[in-house]
Amino acid sequence: EDVILVSDEEILTCMSRLFDIGLKAEPSGCAAMAAI
């Protein structure tokens, strides 16, 4: 229905936040969470 863009910086920040709580995810796997 729609495409939402997130920046590389937003994705990397999300990766870092997830890693801080014990989750390891690659950049593409963080895109939806970065959007939220």
PDB file of all heavy atoms in Angstrom:
ATOM      1  N   GLU A   1       0.809  -1.209   0.000  1.00  0.00           N
ATOM      2  CA  GLU A   1       0.000   0.000   0.000  1.00  0.00           C
ATOM      3  C   GLU A   1       0.845   1.264   0.000  1.00  0.00           C
ATOM      4  O   GLU A   1       0.437   2.284  -0.542  1.00  0.00           O
ATOM      5  CB  GLU A   1      -0.908   0.022   1.240  1.00  0.00           C
ATOM      6  CG  GLU A   1      -1.953  -1.053   1.235  1.00  0.00           C
ATOM      7  CD  GLU A   1      -2.811  -1.012   2.485  1.00  0.00           C
ATOM      8  OE1 GLU A   1      -2.823   0.026   3.184  1.00  0.00           O
ATOM      9  OE2 GLU A   1      -3.470  -2.027   2.765  1.00  0.00           O
ATOM     10  N   ASP A   2       2.001   1.215   0.641  1.00  0.00           N
ATOM     11  CA  ASP A   2       2.818   2.412   0.784  1.00  0.00           C
ATOM     12  C   ASP A   2       4.260   1.994   1.058  1.00  0.00           C
ATOM     13  O   ASP A   2       4.508   0.875   1.490  1.00  0.00           O
ATOM     14  CB  ASP A   2       2.299   3.260   1.950  1.00  0.00           C
ATOM     15  CG  ASP A   2       2.774   4.696   1.917  1.00  0.00           C
ATOM     16  OD1 ASP A   2       3.479   5.082   0.953  1.00  0.00           O
ATOM     17  OD2 ASP A   2       2.441   5.448   2.844  1.00  0.00           O
ATOM     18  N   VAL A   3       5.160   2.892   0.795  1.00  0.00           N
ATOM     19  CA  VAL A   3       6.571   2.675   1.086  1.00  0.00           C
ATOM     20  C   VAL A   3       7.014   3.796   2.012  1.00  0.00           C
ATOM     21  O   VAL A   3       6.712   4.965   1.774  1.00  0.00           O
ATOM     22  CB  VAL A   3       7.418   2.694  -0.210  1.00  0.00           C
ATOM     23  CG1 VAL A   3       8.897   2.616   0.113  1.00  0.00           C
ATOM     24  CG2 VAL A   3       7.004   1.559  -1.127  1.00  0.00           C
ATOM     25  N   ILE A   4       7.693   3.429   3.074  1.00  0.00           N
ATOM     26  CA  ILE A   4       8.192   4.409   4.036  1.00  0.00           C
ATOM     27  C   ILE A   4       9.706   4.310   4.045  1.00  0.00           C
ATOM     28  O   ILE A   4      10.263   3.212   4.168  1.00  0.00           O
ATOM     29  CB  ILE A   4       7.608   4.144   5.435  1.00  0.00           C
ATOM     30  CG1 ILE A   4       6.086   4.339   5.366  1.00  0.00           C
ATOM     31  CG2 ILE A   4       8.245   5.043   6.477  1.00  0.00           C
ATOM     32  CD1 ILE A   4       5.346   3.920   6.570  1.00  0.00           C
ATOM     33  N   LEU A   5      10.359   5.437   3.895  1.00  0.00           N
ATOM     34  CA  LEU A   5      11.809   5.455   3.834  1.00  0.00           C
ATOM     35  C   LEU A   5      12.412   5.762   5.201  1.00  0.00           C
ATOM     36  O   LEU A   5      11.908   6.620   5.928  1.00  0.00           O
ATOM     37  CB  LEU A   5      12.276   6.508   2.829  1.00  0.00           C
ATOM     38  CG  LEU A   5      11.790   6.320   1.393  1.00  0.00           C
ATOM     39  CD1 LEU A   5      12.270   7.479   0.529  1.00  0.00           C
ATOM     40  CD2 LEU A   5      12.267   4.997   0.833  1.00  0.00           C
ATOM     41  N   VAL A   6      13.474   5.063   5.527  1.00  0.00           N
ATOM     42  CA  VAL A   6      14.260   5.359   6.719  1.00  0.00           C
ATOM     43  C   VAL A   6      15.698   5.551   6.276  1.00  0.00           C
ATOM     44  O   VAL A   6      16.154   4.930   5.315  1.00  0.00           O
ATOM     45  CB  VAL A   6      14.148   4.256   7.797  1.00  0.00           C
ATOM     46  CG1 VAL A   6      12.772   4.231   8.414  1.00  0.00           C
ATOM     47  CG2 VAL A   6      14.495   2.898   7.244  1.00  0.00           C
ATOM     48  N   SER A   7      16.405   6.399   6.969  1.00  0.00           N
ATOM     49  CA  SER A   7      17.789   6.687   6.597  1.00  0.00           C
ATOM     50  C   SER A   7      18.731   5.619   7.154  1.00  0.00           C
ATOM     51  O   SER A   7      18.377   4.865   8.071  1.00  0.00           O
ATOM     52  CB  SER A   7      18.204   8.056   7.139  1.00  0.00           C
ATOM     53  OG  SER A   7      18.330   8.008   8.553  1.00  0.00           O
ATOM     54  N   ASP A   8      19.928   5.589   6.612  1.00  0.00           N
ATOM     55  CA  ASP A   8      20.956   4.683   7.134  1.00  0.00           C
ATOM     56  C   ASP A   8      21.214   4.981   8.602  1.00  0.00           C
ATOM     57  O   ASP A   8      21.356   4.062   9.415  1.00  0.00           O
ATOM     58  CB  ASP A   8      22.259   4.839   6.355  1.00  0.00           C
ATOM     59  CG  ASP A   8      22.169   4.297   4.934  1.00  0.00           C
ATOM     60  OD1 ASP A   8      21.190   3.608   4.610  1.00  0.00           O
ATOM     61  OD2 ASP A   8      23.102   4.565   4.159  1.00  0.00           O
ATOM     62  N   GLU A   9      21.280   6.243   8.954  1.00  0.00           N
ATOM     63  CA  GLU A   9      21.529   6.624  10.347  1.00  0.00           C
ATOM     64  C   GLU A   9      20.421   6.109  11.264  1.00  0.00           C
ATOM     65  O   GLU A   9      20.694   5.611  12.362  1.00  0.00           O
ATOM     66  CB  GLU A   9      21.635   8.146  10.459  1.00  0.00           C
ATOM     67  CG  GLU A   9      21.943   8.618  11.858  1.00  0.00           C
ATOM     68  CD  GLU A   9      22.058  10.134  11.950  1.00  0.00           C
ATOM     69  OE1 GLU A   9      22.484  10.773  10.982  1.00  0.00           O
ATOM     70  OE2 GLU A   9      21.714  10.665  13.021  1.00  0.00           O
ATOM     71  N   GLU A  10      19.168   6.215  10.832  1.00  0.00           N
ATOM     72  CA  GLU A  10      18.056   5.722  11.646  1.00  0.00           C
ATOM     73  C   GLU A  10      18.140   4.207  11.818  1.00  0.00           C
ATOM     74  O   GLU A  10      17.886   3.683  12.907  1.00  0.00           O
ATOM     75  CB  GLU A  10      16.725   6.116  10.991  1.00  0.00           C
ATOM     76  CG  GLU A  10      16.445   7.599  11.064  1.00  0.00           C
ATOM     77  CD  GLU A  10      15.310   8.054  10.171  1.00  0.00           C
ATOM     78  OE1 GLU A  10      15.046   7.415   9.132  1.00  0.00           O
ATOM     79  OE2 GLU A  10      14.696   9.084  10.507  1.00  0.00           O
ATOM     80  N   ILE A  11      18.523   3.504  10.776  1.00  0.00           N
ATOM     81  CA  ILE A  11      18.663   2.049  10.853  1.00  0.00           C
ATOM     82  C   ILE A  11      19.801   1.662  11.799  1.00  0.00           C
ATOM     83  O   ILE A  11      19.652   0.785  12.650  1.00  0.00           O
ATOM     84  CB  ILE A  11      18.873   1.447   9.458  1.00  0.00           C
ATOM     85  CG1 ILE A  11      17.566   1.526   8.660  1.00  0.00           C
ATOM     86  CG2 ILE A  11      19.368   0.003   9.541  1.00  0.00           C
ATOM     87  CD1 ILE A  11      17.687   1.121   7.212  1.00  0.00           C
ATOM     88  N   LEU A  12      20.937   2.340  11.681  1.00  0.00           N
ATOM     89  CA  LEU A  12      22.078   2.012  12.541  1.00  0.00           C
ATOM     90  C   LEU A  12      21.796   2.342  14.000  1.00  0.00           C
ATOM     91  O   LEU A  12      22.209   1.606  14.903  1.00  0.00           O
ATOM     92  CB  LEU A  12      23.331   2.725  12.043  1.00  0.00           C
ATOM     93  CG  LEU A  12      23.803   2.284  10.648  1.00  0.00           C
ATOM     94  CD1 LEU A  12      25.030   3.083  10.231  1.00  0.00           C
ATOM     95  CD2 LEU A  12      24.084   0.798  10.606  1.00  0.00           C
ATOM     96  N   THR A  13      21.080   3.419  14.247  1.00  0.00           N
ATOM     97  CA  THR A  13      20.682   3.762  15.618  1.00  0.00           C
ATOM     98  C   THR A  13      19.763   2.677  16.179  1.00  0.00           C
ATOM     99  O   THR A  13      19.893   2.266  17.333  1.00  0.00           O
ATOM    100  CB  THR A  13      19.992   5.137  15.661  1.00  0.00           C
ATOM    101  OG1 THR A  13      20.912   6.120  15.202  1.00  0.00           O
ATOM    102  CG2 THR A  13      19.518   5.477  17.057  1.00  0.00           C
ATOM    103  N   CYS A  14      18.854   2.204  15.360  1.00  0.00           N
ATOM    104  CA  CYS A  14      17.966   1.121  15.772  1.00  0.00           C
ATOM    105  C   CYS A  14      18.757  -0.147  16.070  1.00  0.00           C
ATOM    106  O   CYS A  14      18.512  -0.816  17.077  1.00  0.00           O
ATOM    107  CB  CYS A  14      16.920   0.862  14.693  1.00  0.00           C
ATOM    108  SG  CYS A  14      15.769  -0.458  15.122  1.00  0.00           S
ATOM    109  N   MET A  15      19.723  -0.488  15.209  1.00  0.00           N
ATOM    110  CA  MET A  15      20.580  -1.660  15.456  1.00  0.00           C
ATOM    111  C   MET A  15      21.254  -1.556  16.813  1.00  0.00           C
ATOM    112  O   MET A  15      21.313  -2.530  17.567  1.00  0.00           O
ATOM    113  CB  MET A  15      21.666  -1.768  14.384  1.00  0.00           C
ATOM    114  CG  MET A  15      21.258  -2.382  13.089  1.00  0.00           C
ATOM    115  SD  MET A  15      22.643  -2.467  11.933  1.00  0.00           S
ATOM    116  CE  MET A  15      23.639  -3.756  12.661  1.00  0.00           C
ATOM    117  N   SER A  16      21.761  -0.379  17.112  1.00  0.00           N
ATOM    118  CA  SER A  16      22.460  -0.156  18.363  1.00  0.00           C
ATOM    119  C   SER A  16      21.516  -0.326  19.555  1.00  0.00           C
ATOM    120  O   SER A  16      21.860  -0.978  20.546  1.00  0.00           O
ATOM    121  CB  SER A  16      23.071   1.243  18.367  1.00  0.00           C
ATOM    122  OG  SER A  16      23.734   1.491  19.569  1.00  0.00           O
ATOM    123  N   ARG A  17      20.325   0.251  19.448  1.00  0.00           N
ATOM    124  CA  ARG A  17      19.346   0.132  20.544  1.00  0.00           C
ATOM    125  C   ARG A  17      18.955  -1.324  20.760  1.00  0.00           C
ATOM    126  O   ARG A  17      18.816  -1.774  21.904  1.00  0.00           O
ATOM    127  CB  ARG A  17      18.126   0.990  20.257  1.00  0.00           C
ATOM    128  CG  ARG A  17      18.410   2.476  20.380  1.00  0.00           C
ATOM    129  CD  ARG A  17      17.210   3.325  20.080  1.00  0.00           C
ATOM    130  NE  ARG A  17      16.206   3.180  21.129  1.00  0.00           N
ATOM    131  CZ  ARG A  17      15.074   3.873  21.157  1.00  0.00           C
ATOM    132  NH1 ARG A  17      14.824   4.748  20.198  1.00  0.00           N
ATOM    133  NH2 ARG A  17      14.200   3.701  22.121  1.00  0.00           N
ATOM    134  N   LEU A  18      18.751  -2.054  19.671  1.00  0.00           N
ATOM    135  CA  LEU A  18      18.388  -3.464  19.804  1.00  0.00           C
ATOM    136  C   LEU A  18      19.529  -4.270  20.405  1.00  0.00           C
ATOM    137  O   LEU A  18      19.303  -5.137  21.255  1.00  0.00           O
ATOM    138  CB  LEU A  18      17.982  -4.032  18.438  1.00  0.00           C
ATOM    139  CG  LEU A  18      16.682  -3.488  17.858  1.00  0.00           C
ATOM    140  CD1 LEU A  18      16.493  -3.986  16.428  1.00  0.00           C
ATOM    141  CD2 LEU A  18      15.491  -3.866  18.721  1.00  0.00           C
ATOM    142  N   PHE A  19      20.744  -3.988  19.972  1.00  0.00           N
ATOM    143  CA  PHE A  19      21.908  -4.694  20.508  1.00  0.00           C
ATOM    144  C   PHE A  19      22.047  -4.443  22.008  1.00  0.00           C
ATOM    145  O   PHE A  19      22.386  -5.350  22.767  1.00  0.00           O
ATOM    146  CB  PHE A  19      23.174  -4.273  19.766  1.00  0.00           C
ATOM    147  CG  PHE A  19      24.368  -5.108  20.130  1.00  0.00           C
ATOM    148  CD1 PHE A  19      24.511  -6.393  19.635  1.00  0.00           C
ATOM    149  CD2 PHE A  19      25.349  -4.607  20.972  1.00  0.00           C
ATOM    150  CE1 PHE A  19      25.610  -7.175  19.973  1.00  0.00           C
ATOM    151  CE2 PHE A  19      26.450  -5.380  21.320  1.00  0.00           C
ATOM    152  CZ  PHE A  19      26.571  -6.664  20.817  1.00  0.00           C
ATOM    153  N   ASP A  20      21.748  -3.211  22.436  1.00  0.00           N
ATOM    154  CA  ASP A  20      21.830  -2.865  23.860  1.00  0.00           C
ATOM    155  C   ASP A  20      20.877  -3.699  24.720  1.00  0.00           C
ATOM    156  O   ASP A  20      21.127  -3.887  25.907  1.00  0.00           O
ATOM    157  CB  ASP A  20      21.543  -1.379  24.074  1.00  0.00           C
ATOM    158  CG  ASP A  20      22.680  -0.489  23.606  1.00  0.00           C
ATOM    159  OD1 ASP A  20      23.803  -1.004  23.372  1.00  0.00           O
ATOM    160  OD2 ASP A  20      22.450   0.730  23.450  1.00  0.00           O
ATOM    161  N   ILE A  21      19.784  -4.193  24.120  1.00  0.00           N
ATOM    162  CA  ILE A  21      18.859  -5.028  24.890  1.00  0.00           C
ATOM    163  C   ILE A  21      19.021  -6.518  24.558  1.00  0.00           C
ATOM    164  O   ILE A  21      18.182  -7.330  24.918  1.00  0.00           O
ATOM    165  CB  ILE A  21      17.387  -4.584  24.711  1.00  0.00           C
ATOM    166  CG1 ILE A  21      16.946  -4.721  23.255  1.00  0.00           C
ATOM    167  CG2 ILE A  21      17.173  -3.190  25.243  1.00  0.00           C
ATOM    168  CD1 ILE A  21      15.442  -4.556  23.055  1.00  0.00           C
ATOM    169  N   GLY A  22      20.109  -6.848  23.835  1.00  0.00           N
ATOM    170  CA  GLY A  22      20.442  -8.243  23.605  1.00  0.00           C
ATOM    171  C   GLY A  22      19.979  -8.840  22.290  1.00  0.00           C
ATOM    172  O   GLY A  22      20.027 -10.054  22.126  1.00  0.00           O
ATOM    173  N   LEU A  23      19.521  -8.011  21.358  1.00  0.00           N
ATOM    174  CA  LEU A  23      19.088  -8.524  20.062  1.00  0.00           C
ATOM    175  C   LEU A  23      20.104  -8.163  18.989  1.00  0.00           C
ATOM    176  O   LEU A  23      20.531  -7.017  18.891  1.00  0.00           O
ATOM    177  CB  LEU A  23      17.725  -7.943  19.672  1.00  0.00           C
ATOM    178  CG  LEU A  23      16.555  -8.317  20.574  1.00  0.00           C
ATOM    179  CD1 LEU A  23      15.306  -7.563  20.157  1.00  0.00           C
ATOM    180  CD2 LEU A  23      16.305  -9.816  20.522  1.00  0.00           C
ATOM    181  N   LYS A  24      20.478  -9.156  18.206  1.00  0.00           N
ATOM    182  CA  LYS A  24      21.407  -8.932  17.105  1.00  0.00           C
ATOM    183  C   LYS A  24      20.614  -8.995  15.809  1.00  0.00           C
ATOM    184  O   LYS A  24      20.009 -10.027  15.500  1.00  0.00           O
ATOM    185  CB  LYS A  24      22.509  -9.987  17.115  1.00  0.00           C
ATOM    186  CG  LYS A  24      23.581  -9.765  16.076  1.00  0.00           C
ATOM    187  CD  LYS A  24      24.673 -10.803  16.186  1.00  0.00           C
ATOM    188  CE  LYS A  24      24.314 -11.993  15.341  1.00  0.00           C
ATOM    189  NZ  LYS A  24      25.392 -12.921  15.097  1.00  0.00           N
ATOM    190  N   ALA A  25      20.587  -7.895  15.057  1.00  0.00           N
ATOM    191  CA  ALA A  25      19.848  -7.854  13.799  1.00  0.00           C
ATOM    192  C   ALA A  25      20.663  -7.109  12.761  1.00  0.00           C
ATOM    193  O   ALA A  25      21.363  -6.147  13.074  1.00  0.00           O
ATOM    194  CB  ALA A  25      18.503  -7.176  14.002  1.00  0.00           C
ATOM    195  N   GLU A  26      20.572  -7.561  11.523  1.00  0.00           N
ATOM    196  CA  GLU A  26      21.276  -6.872  10.443  1.00  0.00           C
ATOM    197  C   GLU A  26      20.490  -5.621  10.039  1.00  0.00           C
ATOM    198  O   GLU A  26      19.318  -5.477  10.392  1.00  0.00           O
ATOM    199  CB  GLU A  26      21.486  -7.815   9.272  1.00  0.00           C
ATOM    200  CG  GLU A  26      20.225  -8.333   8.655  1.00  0.00           C
ATOM    201  CD  GLU A  26      20.494  -9.463   7.681  1.00  0.00           C
ATOM    202  OE1 GLU A  26      21.406 -10.275   7.900  1.00  0.00           O
ATOM    203  OE2 GLU A  26      19.758  -9.516   6.686  1.00  0.00           O
ATOM    204  N   PRO A  27      21.124  -4.711   9.319  1.00  0.00           N
ATOM    205  CA  PRO A  27      20.473  -3.441   8.978  1.00  0.00           C
ATOM    206  C   PRO A  27      19.096  -3.592   8.330  1.00  0.00           C
ATOM    207  O   PRO A  27      18.141  -2.936   8.762  1.00  0.00           O
ATOM    208  CB  PRO A  27      21.471  -2.769   8.036  1.00  0.00           C
ATOM    209  CG  PRO A  27      22.799  -3.300   8.466  1.00  0.00           C
ATOM    210  CD  PRO A  27      22.530  -4.727   8.858  1.00  0.00           C
ATOM    211  N   SER A  28      18.958  -4.451   7.342  1.00  0.00           N
ATOM    212  CA  SER A  28      17.655  -4.585   6.677  1.00  0.00           C
ATOM    213  C   SER A  28      16.586  -5.107   7.629  1.00  0.00           C
ATOM    214  O   SER A  28      15.411  -4.780   7.479  1.00  0.00           O
ATOM    215  CB  SER A  28      17.770  -5.486   5.454  1.00  0.00           C
ATOM    216  OG  SER A  28      18.160  -6.789   5.834  1.00  0.00           O
ATOM    217  N   GLY A  29      16.990  -5.873   8.614  1.00  0.00           N
ATOM    218  CA  GLY A  29      16.049  -6.406   9.586  1.00  0.00           C
ATOM    219  C   GLY A  29      15.585  -5.382  10.596  1.00  0.00           C
ATOM    220  O   GLY A  29      14.671  -5.643  11.377  1.00  0.00           O
ATOM    221  N   CYS A  30      16.211  -4.226  10.610  1.00  0.00           N
ATOM    222  CA  CYS A  30      15.861  -3.156  11.550  1.00  0.00           C
ATOM    223  C   CYS A  30      14.998  -2.062  10.916  1.00  0.00           C
ATOM    224  O   CYS A  30      14.561  -1.148  11.609  1.00  0.00           O
ATOM    225  CB  CYS A  30      17.126  -2.492  12.088  1.00  0.00           C
ATOM    226  SG  CYS A  30      18.155  -3.577  13.070  1.00  0.00           S
ATOM    227  N   ALA A  31      14.759  -2.138   9.636  1.00  0.00           N
ATOM    228  CA  ALA A  31      14.080  -1.040   8.932  1.00  0.00           C
ATOM    229  C   ALA A  31      12.697  -0.740   9.499  1.00  0.00           C
ATOM    230  O   ALA A  31      12.358   0.429   9.742  1.00  0.00           O
ATOM    231  CB  ALA A  31      14.001  -1.339   7.441  1.00  0.00           C
ATOM    232  N   ALA A  32      11.892  -1.758   9.732  1.00  0.00           N
ATOM    233  CA  ALA A  32      10.533  -1.524  10.243  1.00  0.00           C
ATOM    234  C   ALA A  32      10.571  -0.901  11.637  1.00  0.00           C
ATOM    235  O   ALA A  32       9.837   0.034  11.933  1.00  0.00           O
ATOM    236  CB  ALA A  32       9.745  -2.826  10.254  1.00  0.00           C
ATOM    237  N   MET A  33      11.444  -1.417  12.495  1.00  0.00           N
ATOM    238  CA  MET A  33      11.569  -0.864  13.850  1.00  0.00           C
ATOM    239  C   MET A  33      12.097   0.559  13.798  1.00  0.00           C
ATOM    240  O   MET A  33      11.649   1.419  14.569  1.00  0.00           O
ATOM    241  CB  MET A  33      12.484  -1.754  14.687  1.00  0.00           C
ATOM    242  CG  MET A  33      12.557  -1.363  16.131  1.00  0.00           C
ATOM    243  SD  MET A  33      10.977  -1.678  16.934  1.00  0.00           S
ATOM    244  CE  MET A  33      11.360  -1.136  18.577  1.00  0.00           C
ATOM    245  N   ALA A  34      13.025   0.849  12.904  1.00  0.00           N
ATOM    246  CA  ALA A  34      13.547   2.207  12.753  1.00  0.00           C
ATOM    247  C   ALA A  34      12.430   3.164  12.351  1.00  0.00           C
ATOM    248  O   ALA A  34      12.383   4.302  12.826  1.00  0.00           O
ATOM    249  CB  ALA A  34      14.676   2.235  11.724  1.00  0.00           C
ATOM    250  N   ALA A  35      11.537   2.706  11.496  1.00  0.00           N
ATOM    251  CA  ALA A  35      10.399   3.547  11.096  1.00  0.00           C
ATOM    252  C   ALA A  35       9.505   3.860  12.293  1.00  0.00           C
ATOM    253  O   ALA A  35       9.073   5.000  12.476  1.00  0.00           O
ATOM    254  CB  ALA A  35       9.611   2.873   9.979  1.00  0.00           C
ATOM    255  N   ILE A  36       9.257   2.855  13.127  1.00  0.00           N
ATOM    256  CA  ILE A  36       8.433   3.066  14.332  1.00  0.00           C
ATOM    257  C   ILE A  36       9.126   4.034  15.288  1.00  0.00           C
ATOM    258  O   ILE A  36       8.520   4.987  15.778  1.00  0.00           O
ATOM    259  CB  ILE A  36       8.163   1.730  15.058  1.00  0.00           C
ATOM    260  CG1 ILE A  36       7.304   0.807  14.210  1.00  0.00           C
ATOM    261  CG2 ILE A  36       7.547   1.965  16.435  1.00  0.00           C
ATOM    262  CD1 ILE A  36       5.849   1.136  14.142  1.00  0.00           C
TER     263      ILE A  36
END
